[in-house]
Protein backbone atom coordinates (compact mmCIF):
# COMPACT_ATOMS: atom_id res chain seq x y z
CA MET A 1 34.04 8.93 -76.87
CA ARG A 2 35.00 11.03 -74.39
CA ILE A 3 31.66 12.45 -74.29
CA VAL A 4 30.37 8.78 -73.91
CA HIS A 5 32.88 8.23 -70.93
CA TRP A 6 31.45 11.63 -68.79
CA LEU A 7 28.26 10.68 -69.41
CA PHE A 8 28.18 7.11 -67.95
CA LEU A 9 30.56 8.86 -64.67
CA VAL A 10 27.89 10.94 -64.60
CA SER A 11 24.98 8.08 -65.03
CA VAL A 12 26.95 6.01 -62.24
CA ALA A 13 27.77 9.49 -59.91
CA LEU A 14 24.02 9.43 -60.15
CA PHE A 15 22.89 5.91 -59.65
CA ILE A 16 25.40 5.34 -56.33
CA SER A 17 23.92 9.25 -55.40
CA GLY A 18 20.76 7.62 -55.54
CA ILE A 19 20.97 4.24 -53.52
CA GLY A 20 22.22 6.29 -50.52
CA PHE A 21 19.62 8.88 -50.73
CA ILE A 22 17.19 5.89 -50.82
CA ILE A 23 19.21 4.01 -47.98
CA ALA A 24 19.27 7.39 -45.76
CA SER A 25 16.08 7.32 -46.20
CA ALA A 26 14.66 3.98 -44.91
CA ARG A 27 16.94 4.79 -41.70
CA THR A 28 15.45 7.37 -41.03
CA SER A 29 12.03 6.11 -41.16
CA GLN A 30 12.86 3.24 -39.39
CA THR A 31 14.26 5.26 -36.74
CA ALA A 32 11.40 7.16 -36.84
CA GLU A 33 8.83 4.35 -36.59
CA ALA A 34 10.81 3.10 -33.29
CA ALA A 35 10.66 6.76 -31.56
CA ALA A 36 7.15 7.07 -32.19
CA PRO A 37 4.90 6.03 -29.56
CA PRO A 38 3.55 2.17 -29.44
CA ALA A 39 -0.17 2.65 -30.78
CA ALA A 40 -2.58 3.22 -27.72
CA ALA A 41 -4.11 -0.64 -27.16
CA ALA A 42 -8.23 -1.02 -27.99
CA ALA A 43 -10.60 1.13 -25.46
CA PHE A 44 -13.14 -1.26 -24.38
CA PRO A 45 -16.46 0.85 -23.35
CA PRO A 46 -16.88 1.10 -20.04
CA VAL A 47 -19.87 -1.39 -18.88
CA ALA A 48 -19.79 -1.16 -14.57
CA SER A 49 -22.05 1.08 -13.50
CA VAL A 50 -20.75 3.24 -10.18
CA LYS A 51 -22.36 1.59 -7.76
CA GLN A 52 -21.22 -2.19 -9.57
CA ILE A 53 -17.80 -0.96 -9.32
CA MET A 54 -18.26 0.13 -5.53
CA ALA A 55 -20.27 -3.47 -4.14
CA GLY A 56 -18.19 -5.35 -6.40
CA ILE A 57 -14.10 -3.97 -6.59
CA VAL A 58 -14.76 -1.45 -3.71
CA MET A 59 -16.46 -2.69 -0.86
CA PRO A 60 -14.75 -5.77 -0.63
CA SER A 61 -10.91 -4.97 -0.87
CA ALA A 62 -11.91 -1.64 1.42
CA ALA A 63 -13.48 -4.35 4.12
CA ALA A 64 -10.54 -7.15 3.38
CA ILE A 65 -8.27 -4.55 4.41
CA TRP A 66 -10.20 -3.45 7.35
CA ASP A 67 -10.14 -6.58 8.60
CA SER A 68 -7.08 -8.12 8.30
CA VAL A 69 -5.50 -6.03 11.33
CA SER A 70 -7.70 -6.17 14.06
CA THR A 71 -8.45 -6.96 17.89
CA ILE A 72 -10.65 -8.57 19.09
CA VAL A 73 -11.81 -8.89 22.99
CA ASP A 74 -14.37 -11.00 23.93
CA ALA A 75 -14.69 -13.49 26.76
CA LYS A 76 -11.52 -15.80 26.14
CA GLY A 77 -9.35 -12.86 26.09
CA VAL A 78 -8.01 -10.07 23.38
CA GLN A 79 -7.03 -11.53 20.50
CA GLU A 80 -4.52 -9.71 17.90
CA ASN A 81 -5.71 -10.64 14.16
CA VAL A 82 -2.74 -9.92 11.13
CA PRO A 83 -1.46 -11.04 8.05
CA ARG A 84 1.16 -13.94 9.14
CA THR A 85 1.86 -16.07 6.54
CA ASP A 86 3.64 -13.96 2.89
CA GLN A 87 0.13 -15.75 1.15
CA GLU A 88 -2.05 -13.73 4.13
CA TRP A 89 -0.05 -10.57 3.78
CA ALA A 90 0.16 -11.19 -0.84
CA VAL A 91 -4.13 -11.27 -0.26
CA VAL A 92 -4.17 -7.85 1.29
CA GLY A 93 -1.68 -6.52 -0.68
CA ALA A 94 -4.09 -7.45 -3.65
CA HIS A 95 -7.05 -6.05 -2.14
CA ALA A 96 -5.28 -2.60 -1.83
CA ALA A 97 -4.29 -2.99 -5.30
CA ALA A 98 -7.67 -3.77 -6.81
CA LEU A 99 -9.10 -0.84 -4.27
CA ILE A 100 -6.17 1.39 -6.68
CA GLU A 101 -7.28 0.14 -10.06
CA SER A 102 -11.04 1.02 -8.88
CA ALA A 103 -9.92 4.41 -8.42
CA ASN A 104 -9.21 4.46 -12.03
CA LEU A 105 -12.78 2.56 -13.16
CA LEU A 106 -14.59 5.25 -10.80
CA THR A 107 -13.15 8.23 -13.17
CA VAL A 108 -13.37 6.16 -16.42
CA GLY A 109 -15.78 7.10 -19.15
CA ASN A 110 -19.41 8.94 -18.06
CA ARG A 111 -18.80 7.56 -13.94
CA ALA A 112 -17.37 10.79 -13.32
CA VAL A 113 -20.12 12.66 -11.69
CA ASP A 114 -17.69 16.22 -12.08
CA GLN A 115 -13.71 16.61 -13.16
CA ALA A 116 -13.40 18.01 -9.84
CA ASP A 117 -13.84 17.16 -6.56
CA TRP A 118 -15.02 13.66 -7.59
CA VAL A 119 -11.50 12.74 -9.20
CA LYS A 120 -9.79 14.38 -6.48
CA MET A 121 -11.74 12.32 -4.01
CA ALA A 122 -10.62 8.91 -6.49
CA LYS A 123 -6.77 9.81 -6.25
CA ALA A 124 -7.49 10.06 -2.23
CA MET A 125 -8.92 6.49 -2.15
CA ALA A 126 -6.06 5.57 -4.21
CA ASP A 127 -3.38 6.96 -2.43
CA ALA A 128 -5.04 5.74 1.02
CA ALA A 129 -4.69 2.35 -1.06
CA GLN A 130 -1.37 2.72 -2.03
CA THR A 131 -0.30 3.04 1.58
CA ALA A 132 -2.00 0.03 2.30
CA LEU A 133 -0.03 -1.54 -0.18
CA GLN A 134 2.76 -0.30 1.16
CA ALA A 135 1.99 -1.70 4.29
CA THR A 136 1.29 -5.31 2.86
CA THR A 137 5.31 -5.27 1.07
CA ASP A 138 6.66 -4.35 4.71
CA LYS A 139 4.61 -6.62 6.54
CA ASN A 140 3.55 -3.49 8.75
CA PRO A 141 0.20 -4.07 10.70
CA GLU A 142 0.51 -0.54 12.17
CA GLY A 143 0.69 1.11 8.18
CA ILE A 144 -2.18 -1.19 7.47
CA LEU A 145 -4.19 0.14 10.31
CA ALA A 146 -3.23 3.77 9.23
CA ALA A 147 -4.06 3.05 5.72
CA GLY A 148 -7.44 1.67 6.62
CA GLU A 149 -7.92 4.83 8.41
CA LYS A 150 -7.35 6.95 5.65
CA ILE A 151 -9.25 4.61 3.39
CA ASN A 152 -12.78 5.02 5.59
CA GLU A 153 -11.93 8.85 5.66
CA THR A 154 -11.88 9.18 2.03
CA CYS A 155 -15.06 6.82 1.62
CA ASP A 156 -17.10 8.93 3.92
CA ASN A 157 -16.11 11.73 2.10
CA CYS A 158 -16.65 10.48 -0.85
CA HIS A 159 -20.83 9.31 0.55
CA GLN A 160 -21.25 12.28 1.99
CA LYS A 161 -21.03 14.50 -1.41
CA TYR A 162 -22.06 11.96 -3.72
CA GLN A 163 -24.17 8.98 -2.32
CA ARG A 164 -27.50 9.22 -3.24
């Protein structure tokens, strides 16, 4: 009877240990799943060409930034144009954000002509547009002017090397 009793106790101990290992394993796998980075979003293949991005996003966005702060001198006198309402500032900010995002688009897939100057110039454009975006947040017309000058400079530098 003692042997049966000891076998029973050993069986119960093994059973409880097994349950403990299963619980510990489940907790470890849940922790690993929680710590794992989210699955990458499905990649969409690039569709637009560089020329289409330039014509559809870069040029209209840059022009909107350049035109948002200006001085017109004519027979009527001097007219200062600056965004005045929150909505006008938001529109300029949206154009700056589009310009930043277009820099990303210009480096995706086979659009990057090279991985050196092309990428650096796209980043320079994004940085200049980021300055414009901050100026819209600050409602700073002088900041828009300075950013517009930098945006123009980045465009000129890139076109000088790559535009065909």
